[in-house]
Amino acid sequence: MLDLIILILLLLLTYGTGSYLEKRHFKNIQQREIALIRKPIISFGAKKWTTNKKIKKIELVAGEVVISGDYFKNFVASLKNFFGGRLTPFESIMDRARREAILRMREKAKYANIIVNVRIESVMLSDLYNPQSIPQCAIIAYGTAITYEKEQ
């Protein structure tokens, strides 16, 4: 009986801590997205991109992030994996990771006018079927940053 109480207390503690940290990270992401709303503009792939402006600089920019779930999400995902169905606890992890990677890429290219052909790659770094492993994913967002010469 004592073991069950300890398990429940630990699950409640990890749920509360994980929820607090996740909400704080989402709030931070939203503030940074608002700050970068117009600078630089990003394109996930246009059919044809042309400009009459003189280009000053072109370079590859990337934003990388490795993010991990908490023990509560891992516990819930293990249960869902056992019974079957979508692993919804990991969807918020992937959403946070993608948005964070894009933000880091945009922050590295604050000087640019536009980032074209943005791509996002992801990989799971842990074994979802091993109950001992903590779920982690690595996301990289990359694109071509273009800076125009200032018009006189």
N, C-alpha and C. Protein backbone atom coordinates (compact mmCIF):
# COMPACT_ATOMS: atom_id res chain seq x y z
N MET A 1 0.83 -1.20 0.00
CA MET A 1 0.00 0.00 0.00
C MET A 1 0.87 1.26 0.00
N LEU A 2 1.93 1.25 0.80
CA LEU A 2 2.83 2.40 0.87
C LEU A 2 3.50 2.65 -0.48
N ASP A 3 3.85 1.55 -1.18
CA ASP A 3 4.47 1.68 -2.50
C ASP A 3 3.53 2.37 -3.48
N LEU A 4 2.26 2.02 -3.41
CA LEU A 4 1.27 2.64 -4.31
C LEU A 4 1.13 4.13 -4.02
N ILE A 5 1.12 4.50 -2.75
CA ILE A 5 1.03 5.92 -2.37
C ILE A 5 2.25 6.68 -2.86
N ILE A 6 3.44 6.09 -2.69
CA ILE A 6 4.67 6.74 -3.16
C ILE A 6 4.64 6.90 -4.68
N LEU A 7 4.19 5.86 -5.39
CA LEU A 7 4.09 5.94 -6.85
C LEU A 7 3.15 7.07 -7.27
N ILE A 8 1.99 7.15 -6.65
CA ILE A 8 1.02 8.19 -6.98
C ILE A 8 1.58 9.58 -6.67
N LEU A 9 2.24 9.72 -5.53
CA LEU A 9 2.85 11.02 -5.19
C LEU A 9 3.93 11.41 -6.19
N LEU A 10 4.75 10.46 -6.58
CA LEU A 10 5.80 10.76 -7.57
C LEU A 10 5.21 11.12 -8.93
N LEU A 11 4.15 10.42 -9.34
CA LEU A 11 3.50 10.74 -10.61
C LEU A 11 2.87 12.14 -10.55
N LEU A 12 2.24 12.47 -9.43
CA LEU A 12 1.66 13.82 -9.27
C LEU A 12 2.75 14.88 -9.29
N LEU A 13 3.87 14.61 -8.63
CA LEU A 13 4.99 15.56 -8.61
C LEU A 13 5.56 15.77 -10.01
N THR A 14 5.78 14.67 -10.73
CA THR A 14 6.34 14.82 -12.09
C THR A 14 5.32 15.46 -13.03
N TYR A 15 4.04 15.16 -12.84
CA TYR A 15 3.01 15.81 -13.67
C TYR A 15 3.00 17.32 -13.42
N GLY A 16 3.00 17.71 -12.17
CA GLY A 16 2.97 19.15 -11.84
C GLY A 16 4.20 19.87 -12.32
N THR A 17 5.36 19.30 -12.07
CA THR A 17 6.62 19.93 -12.50
C THR A 17 6.69 20.00 -14.02
N GLY A 18 6.37 18.89 -14.70
CA GLY A 18 6.43 18.87 -16.16
C GLY A 18 5.45 19.84 -16.78
N SER A 19 4.23 19.91 -16.24
CA SER A 19 3.23 20.84 -16.77
C SER A 19 3.67 22.28 -16.60
N TYR A 20 4.22 22.60 -15.43
CA TYR A 20 4.68 23.96 -15.18
C TYR A 20 5.80 24.35 -16.15
N LEU A 21 6.79 23.47 -16.30
CA LEU A 21 7.92 23.78 -17.19
C LEU A 21 7.47 23.87 -18.64
N GLU A 22 6.55 23.00 -19.05
CA GLU A 22 6.06 23.03 -20.43
C GLU A 22 5.28 24.32 -20.71
N LYS A 23 4.41 24.72 -19.79
CA LYS A 23 3.65 25.96 -19.97
C LYS A 23 4.57 27.16 -20.02
N ARG A 24 5.59 27.16 -19.17
CA ARG A 24 6.55 28.27 -19.16
C ARG A 24 7.31 28.33 -20.48
N HIS A 25 7.70 27.16 -21.02
CA HIS A 25 8.41 27.14 -22.29
C HIS A 25 7.51 27.61 -23.43
N PHE A 26 6.24 27.15 -23.46
CA PHE A 26 5.30 27.61 -24.49
C PHE A 26 5.11 29.13 -24.42
N LYS A 27 5.03 29.69 -23.21
CA LYS A 27 4.87 31.13 -23.05
C LYS A 27 6.09 31.87 -23.59
N ASN A 28 7.29 31.35 -23.29
CA ASN A 28 8.52 31.94 -23.78
C ASN A 28 8.58 31.87 -25.31
N ILE A 29 8.19 30.75 -25.87
CA ILE A 29 8.17 30.60 -27.33
C ILE A 29 7.23 31.62 -27.96
N GLN A 30 6.03 31.76 -27.37
CA GLN A 30 5.04 32.70 -27.91
C GLN A 30 5.56 34.14 -27.87
N GLN A 31 6.21 34.53 -26.80
CA GLN A 31 6.76 35.89 -26.70
C GLN A 31 7.83 36.12 -27.76
N ARG A 32 8.70 35.13 -27.96
CA ARG A 32 9.75 35.26 -28.96
C ARG A 32 9.19 35.27 -30.38
N GLU A 33 8.13 34.49 -30.62
CA GLU A 33 7.49 34.50 -31.93
C GLU A 33 6.87 35.86 -32.23
N ILE A 34 6.25 36.46 -31.24
CA ILE A 34 5.66 37.80 -31.42
C ILE A 34 6.75 38.83 -31.71
N ALA A 35 7.88 38.73 -31.00
CA ALA A 35 8.98 39.67 -31.22
C ALA A 35 9.56 39.54 -32.64
N LEU A 36 9.50 38.35 -33.22
CA LEU A 36 10.07 38.12 -34.55
C LEU A 36 9.01 38.04 -35.64
N ILE A 37 7.82 38.57 -35.38
CA ILE A 37 6.70 38.36 -36.29
C ILE A 37 6.98 38.85 -37.72
N ARG A 38 7.73 39.88 -37.87
CA ARG A 38 8.01 40.42 -39.20
C ARG A 38 9.47 40.29 -39.63
N LYS A 39 10.32 39.80 -38.76
CA LYS A 39 11.75 39.83 -39.07
C LYS A 39 12.41 38.55 -38.67
N PRO A 40 13.05 37.81 -39.49
CA PRO A 40 12.89 37.79 -40.94
C PRO A 40 11.67 36.97 -41.34
N ILE A 41 11.20 37.22 -42.53
CA ILE A 41 10.08 36.46 -43.07
C ILE A 41 10.63 35.10 -43.50
N ILE A 42 9.86 34.04 -43.30
CA ILE A 42 10.33 32.72 -43.73
C ILE A 42 9.39 32.13 -44.76
N SER A 43 9.96 31.30 -45.63
CA SER A 43 9.21 30.64 -46.68
C SER A 43 9.54 29.15 -46.64
N PHE A 44 8.52 28.33 -46.59
CA PHE A 44 8.72 26.89 -46.56
C PHE A 44 8.79 26.29 -47.96
N GLY A 45 9.07 27.13 -48.95
CA GLY A 45 9.24 26.62 -50.30
C GLY A 45 8.24 27.22 -51.27
N ALA A 46 8.69 28.18 -52.02
CA ALA A 46 7.83 28.80 -53.02
C ALA A 46 8.13 28.13 -54.36
N LYS A 47 7.13 28.14 -55.25
CA LYS A 47 7.34 27.54 -56.56
C LYS A 47 8.42 28.31 -57.32
N LYS A 48 8.30 29.61 -57.29
CA LYS A 48 9.28 30.44 -57.98
C LYS A 48 9.48 31.70 -57.16
N TRP A 49 10.72 31.99 -56.83
CA TRP A 49 11.02 33.14 -56.02
C TRP A 49 11.96 34.05 -56.80
N THR A 50 11.52 35.28 -57.04
CA THR A 50 12.36 36.24 -57.77
C THR A 50 12.29 37.58 -57.05
N THR A 51 13.33 38.38 -57.30
CA THR A 51 13.37 39.72 -56.73
C THR A 51 14.20 40.62 -57.63
N ASN A 52 13.88 41.89 -57.60
CA ASN A 52 14.66 42.88 -58.34
C ASN A 52 15.68 43.55 -57.44
N LYS A 53 15.65 43.26 -56.16
CA LYS A 53 16.57 43.88 -55.21
C LYS A 53 17.95 43.26 -55.32
N LYS A 54 18.98 44.09 -55.02
CA LYS A 54 20.34 43.58 -55.04
C LYS A 54 20.60 42.80 -53.75
N ILE A 55 21.16 41.62 -53.91
CA ILE A 55 21.42 40.75 -52.76
C ILE A 55 22.81 41.03 -52.22
N LYS A 56 22.86 41.28 -50.92
CA LYS A 56 24.13 41.57 -50.24
C LYS A 56 24.78 40.29 -49.71
N LYS A 57 23.97 39.41 -49.14
CA LYS A 57 24.53 38.24 -48.48
C LYS A 57 23.54 37.08 -48.55
N ILE A 58 24.08 35.88 -48.82
CA ILE A 58 23.29 34.65 -48.80
C ILE A 58 24.06 33.64 -47.95
N GLU A 59 23.37 33.02 -47.00
CA GLU A 59 24.03 31.99 -46.21
C GLU A 59 23.04 31.00 -45.62
N LEU A 60 23.55 29.83 -45.29
CA LEU A 60 22.74 28.81 -44.64
C LEU A 60 22.63 29.13 -43.16
N VAL A 61 21.41 29.09 -42.63
CA VAL A 61 21.20 29.27 -41.19
C VAL A 61 20.43 28.06 -40.67
N ALA A 62 20.73 27.72 -39.44
CA ALA A 62 20.08 26.55 -38.85
C ALA A 62 19.79 26.80 -37.38
N GLY A 63 18.78 26.14 -36.90
CA GLY A 63 18.45 26.15 -35.48
C GLY A 63 18.24 24.72 -35.03
N GLU A 64 18.96 24.33 -33.99
CA GLU A 64 18.86 22.96 -33.51
C GLU A 64 18.33 22.95 -32.09
N VAL A 65 17.62 21.88 -31.76
CA VAL A 65 17.14 21.71 -30.39
C VAL A 65 17.00 20.22 -30.10
N VAL A 66 17.35 19.85 -28.89
CA VAL A 66 17.08 18.50 -28.37
C VAL A 66 16.19 18.70 -27.17
N ILE A 67 15.05 18.03 -27.17
CA ILE A 67 14.08 18.23 -26.09
C ILE A 67 13.65 16.86 -25.58
N SER A 68 13.35 16.81 -24.31
CA SER A 68 13.03 15.55 -23.66
C SER A 68 11.68 15.64 -22.97
N GLY A 69 11.03 14.52 -22.86
CA GLY A 69 9.78 14.45 -22.10
C GLY A 69 10.09 14.24 -20.62
N ASP A 70 9.07 14.28 -19.81
CA ASP A 70 9.26 14.03 -18.39
C ASP A 70 8.80 12.61 -18.05
N TYR A 71 9.02 12.23 -16.82
CA TYR A 71 8.68 10.87 -16.40
C TYR A 71 7.17 10.59 -16.47
N PHE A 72 6.36 11.60 -16.22
CA PHE A 72 4.91 11.39 -16.29
C PHE A 72 4.48 11.08 -17.72
N LYS A 73 4.98 11.86 -18.68
CA LYS A 73 4.63 11.60 -20.08
C LYS A 73 5.13 10.24 -20.52
N ASN A 74 6.30 9.87 -20.03
CA ASN A 74 6.86 8.57 -20.35
C ASN A 74 5.96 7.46 -19.80
N PHE A 75 5.45 7.64 -18.58
CA PHE A 75 4.58 6.67 -17.95
C PHE A 75 3.27 6.53 -18.73
N VAL A 76 2.66 7.66 -19.07
CA VAL A 76 1.40 7.65 -19.83
C VAL A 76 1.61 7.04 -21.21
N ALA A 77 2.72 7.37 -21.85
CA ALA A 77 3.01 6.82 -23.18
C ALA A 77 3.22 5.31 -23.10
N SER A 78 3.83 4.84 -22.03
CA SER A 78 4.02 3.39 -21.85
C SER A 78 2.68 2.69 -21.75
N LEU A 79 1.75 3.30 -21.01
CA LEU A 79 0.40 2.72 -20.90
C LEU A 79 -0.30 2.71 -22.26
N LYS A 80 -0.20 3.83 -22.98
CA LYS A 80 -0.85 3.92 -24.29
C LYS A 80 -0.21 2.95 -25.28
N ASN A 81 1.10 2.79 -25.17
CA ASN A 81 1.80 1.86 -26.04
C ASN A 81 1.35 0.42 -25.77
N PHE A 82 1.10 0.12 -24.52
CA PHE A 82 0.64 -1.22 -24.14
C PHE A 82 -0.76 -1.49 -24.69
N PHE A 83 -1.66 -0.52 -24.55
CA PHE A 83 -3.05 -0.71 -24.98
C PHE A 83 -3.27 -0.31 -26.44
N GLY A 84 -2.34 0.45 -27.01
CA GLY A 84 -2.47 0.88 -28.40
C GLY A 84 -3.05 2.28 -28.50
N GLY A 85 -2.84 2.91 -29.62
CA GLY A 85 -3.37 4.25 -29.86
C GLY A 85 -2.26 5.26 -30.08
N ARG A 86 -2.67 6.48 -30.31
CA ARG A 86 -1.73 7.58 -30.55
C ARG A 86 -0.97 7.91 -29.27
N LEU A 87 0.30 8.23 -29.42
CA LEU A 87 1.11 8.65 -28.28
C LEU A 87 1.01 10.17 -28.14
N THR A 88 -0.17 10.64 -27.76
CA THR A 88 -0.43 12.08 -27.67
C THR A 88 0.46 12.83 -26.69
N PRO A 89 0.97 12.19 -25.62
CA PRO A 89 1.86 12.96 -24.74
C PRO A 89 3.10 13.50 -25.45
N PHE A 90 3.52 12.82 -26.52
CA PHE A 90 4.73 13.27 -27.22
C PHE A 90 4.45 14.35 -28.27
N GLU A 91 3.17 14.57 -28.60
CA GLU A 91 2.85 15.57 -29.61
C GLU A 91 3.22 16.98 -29.15
N SER A 92 2.99 17.29 -27.87
CA SER A 92 3.37 18.63 -27.38
C SER A 92 4.88 18.78 -27.34
N ILE A 93 5.60 17.69 -27.09
CA ILE A 93 7.07 17.73 -27.11
C ILE A 93 7.55 18.07 -28.51
N MET A 94 6.98 17.40 -29.51
CA MET A 94 7.39 17.66 -30.90
C MET A 94 7.01 19.07 -31.34
N ASP A 95 5.84 19.55 -30.92
CA ASP A 95 5.42 20.91 -31.26
C ASP A 95 6.39 21.93 -30.67
N ARG A 96 6.71 21.78 -29.39
CA ARG A 96 7.66 22.69 -28.74
C ARG A 96 9.01 22.66 -29.44
N ALA A 97 9.47 21.46 -29.78
CA ALA A 97 10.79 21.32 -30.40
C ALA A 97 10.82 21.98 -31.79
N ARG A 98 9.79 21.77 -32.60
CA ARG A 98 9.76 22.39 -33.94
C ARG A 98 9.74 23.91 -33.84
N ARG A 99 8.87 24.42 -32.98
CA ARG A 99 8.77 25.88 -32.84
C ARG A 99 10.06 26.48 -32.30
N GLU A 100 10.69 25.80 -31.35
CA GLU A 100 11.96 26.29 -30.79
C GLU A 100 13.07 26.27 -31.83
N ALA A 101 13.14 25.22 -32.64
CA ALA A 101 14.17 25.15 -33.68
C ALA A 101 14.00 26.26 -34.71
N ILE A 102 12.75 26.52 -35.12
CA ILE A 102 12.50 27.61 -36.07
C ILE A 102 12.87 28.95 -35.46
N LEU A 103 12.52 29.15 -34.20
CA LEU A 103 12.87 30.41 -33.53
C LEU A 103 14.38 30.60 -33.45
N ARG A 104 15.10 29.56 -33.10
CA ARG A 104 16.57 29.67 -33.02
C ARG A 104 17.17 29.99 -34.37
N MET A 105 16.62 29.39 -35.43
CA MET A 105 17.10 29.70 -36.78
C MET A 105 16.84 31.17 -37.11
N ARG A 106 15.63 31.64 -36.82
CA ARG A 106 15.27 33.03 -37.12
C ARG A 106 16.10 34.00 -36.28
N GLU A 107 16.38 33.67 -35.03
CA GLU A 107 17.18 34.54 -34.17
C GLU A 107 18.62 34.63 -34.67
N LYS A 108 19.15 33.56 -35.26
CA LYS A 108 20.50 33.59 -35.82
C LYS A 108 20.55 34.46 -37.07
N ALA A 109 19.41 34.63 -37.72
CA ALA A 109 19.36 35.40 -38.97
C ALA A 109 18.54 36.67 -38.81
N LYS A 110 18.62 37.32 -37.65
CA LYS A 110 17.85 38.56 -37.42
C LYS A 110 18.20 39.63 -38.46
N TYR A 111 19.43 39.62 -38.93
CA TYR A 111 19.90 40.60 -39.91
C TYR A 111 19.27 40.39 -41.28
N ALA A 112 18.78 39.19 -41.58
CA ALA A 112 18.29 38.85 -42.92
C ALA A 112 16.91 39.45 -43.17
N ASN A 113 16.60 39.62 -44.44
CA ASN A 113 15.28 40.07 -44.83
C ASN A 113 14.31 38.91 -44.99
N ILE A 114 14.82 37.77 -45.47
CA ILE A 114 13.98 36.62 -45.71
C ILE A 114 14.81 35.34 -45.56
N ILE A 115 14.14 34.29 -45.12
CA ILE A 115 14.76 32.95 -45.10
C ILE A 115 13.90 32.08 -46.01
N VAL A 116 14.50 31.57 -47.08
CA VAL A 116 13.75 30.80 -48.05
C VAL A 116 14.08 29.31 -47.93
N ASN A 117 13.14 28.50 -48.43
CA ASN A 117 13.28 27.04 -48.48
C ASN A 117 13.62 26.44 -47.11
N VAL A 118 12.86 26.82 -46.13
CA VAL A 118 13.06 26.30 -44.78
C VAL A 118 12.63 24.83 -44.75
N ARG A 119 13.45 24.03 -44.12
CA ARG A 119 13.16 22.60 -43.96
C ARG A 119 13.31 22.24 -42.49
N ILE A 120 12.57 21.23 -42.07
CA ILE A 120 12.63 20.76 -40.69
C ILE A 120 12.88 19.25 -40.71
N GLU A 121 13.90 18.81 -39.99
CA GLU A 121 14.22 17.39 -39.87
C GLU A 121 14.12 17.00 -38.41
N SER A 122 13.72 15.76 -38.16
CA SER A 122 13.60 15.31 -36.78
C SER A 122 14.06 13.86 -36.64
N VAL A 123 14.48 13.52 -35.43
CA VAL A 123 14.87 12.15 -35.13
C VAL A 123 14.62 11.89 -33.65
N MET A 124 14.12 10.71 -33.33
CA MET A 124 13.97 10.31 -31.93
C MET A 124 15.31 9.75 -31.46
N LEU A 125 15.75 10.20 -30.29
CA LEU A 125 17.05 9.78 -29.77
C LEU A 125 16.94 8.66 -28.75
N SER A 126 15.75 8.25 -28.42
CA SER A 126 15.59 7.20 -27.43
C SER A 126 14.65 6.12 -27.94
N ASP A 127 14.67 5.01 -27.28
CA ASP A 127 13.85 3.87 -27.66
C ASP A 127 12.48 3.98 -26.99
N LEU A 128 11.43 4.17 -27.77
CA LEU A 128 10.09 4.32 -27.21
C LEU A 128 9.59 3.03 -26.55
N TYR A 129 10.14 1.91 -26.96
CA TYR A 129 9.65 0.63 -26.44
C TYR A 129 10.42 0.17 -25.20
N ASN A 130 11.42 0.92 -24.80
CA ASN A 130 12.17 0.60 -23.59
C ASN A 130 11.63 1.46 -22.46
N PRO A 131 11.01 0.87 -21.45
CA PRO A 131 10.40 1.67 -20.39
C PRO A 131 11.42 2.44 -19.55
N GLN A 132 12.70 2.08 -19.65
CA GLN A 132 13.74 2.75 -18.87
C GLN A 132 14.23 4.04 -19.55
N SER A 133 14.02 4.17 -20.85
CA SER A 133 14.56 5.32 -21.56
C SER A 133 13.60 6.51 -21.49
N ILE A 134 14.17 7.69 -21.42
CA ILE A 134 13.40 8.94 -21.43
C ILE A 134 13.27 9.38 -22.88
N PRO A 135 12.05 9.69 -23.34
CA PRO A 135 11.89 10.09 -24.74
C PRO A 135 12.56 11.43 -25.02
N GLN A 136 13.34 11.46 -26.07
CA GLN A 136 14.02 12.67 -26.51
C GLN A 136 13.93 12.76 -28.02
N CYS A 137 13.84 13.98 -28.52
CA CYS A 137 13.87 14.16 -29.97
C CYS A 137 14.81 15.32 -30.30
N ALA A 138 15.44 15.19 -31.44
CA ALA A 138 16.30 16.24 -31.96
C ALA A 138 15.63 16.80 -33.20
N ILE A 139 15.57 18.12 -33.28
CA ILE A 139 14.96 18.81 -34.42
C ILE A 139 15.98 19.81 -34.95
N ILE A 140 16.08 19.88 -36.26
CA ILE A 140 16.89 20.92 -36.89
C ILE A 140 16.03 21.60 -37.94
N ALA A 141 16.01 22.92 -37.89
CA ALA A 141 15.34 23.74 -38.90
C ALA A 141 16.44 24.50 -39.64
N TYR A 142 16.42 24.46 -40.95
CA TYR A 142 17.46 25.15 -41.71
C TYR A 142 16.87 25.76 -42.97
N GLY A 143 17.54 26.80 -43.44
CA GLY A 143 17.09 27.48 -44.65
C GLY A 143 18.17 28.43 -45.14
N THR A 144 17.87 29.12 -46.21
CA THR A 144 18.82 30.08 -46.80
C THR A 144 18.41 31.48 -46.44
N ALA A 145 19.26 32.16 -45.67
CA ALA A 145 19.01 33.54 -45.26
C ALA A 145 19.52 34.49 -46.34
N ILE A 146 18.67 35.42 -46.74
CA ILE A 146 19.02 36.39 -47.78
C ILE A 146 18.90 37.79 -47.23
N THR A 147 19.97 38.57 -47.39
CA THR A 147 19.99 39.96 -46.98
C THR A 147 20.13 40.83 -48.22
N TYR A 148 19.25 41.80 -48.34
CA TYR A 148 19.32 42.72 -49.48
C TYR A 148 20.19 43.91 -49.13
N GLU A 149 20.76 44.53 -50.18
CA GLU A 149 21.49 45.78 -49.97
C GLU A 149 20.47 46.87 -49.67
N LYS A 150 20.87 47.82 -48.84
CA LYS A 150 19.97 48.92 -48.50
C LYS A 150 19.76 49.80 -49.72
N GLU A 151 18.50 50.19 -49.89
CA GLU A 151 18.18 51.08 -51.01
C GLU A 151 18.56 52.51 -50.65
N GLN A 152 19.10 53.23 -51.63
CA GLN A 152 19.51 54.62 -51.37
C GLN A 152 18.50 55.59 -51.84
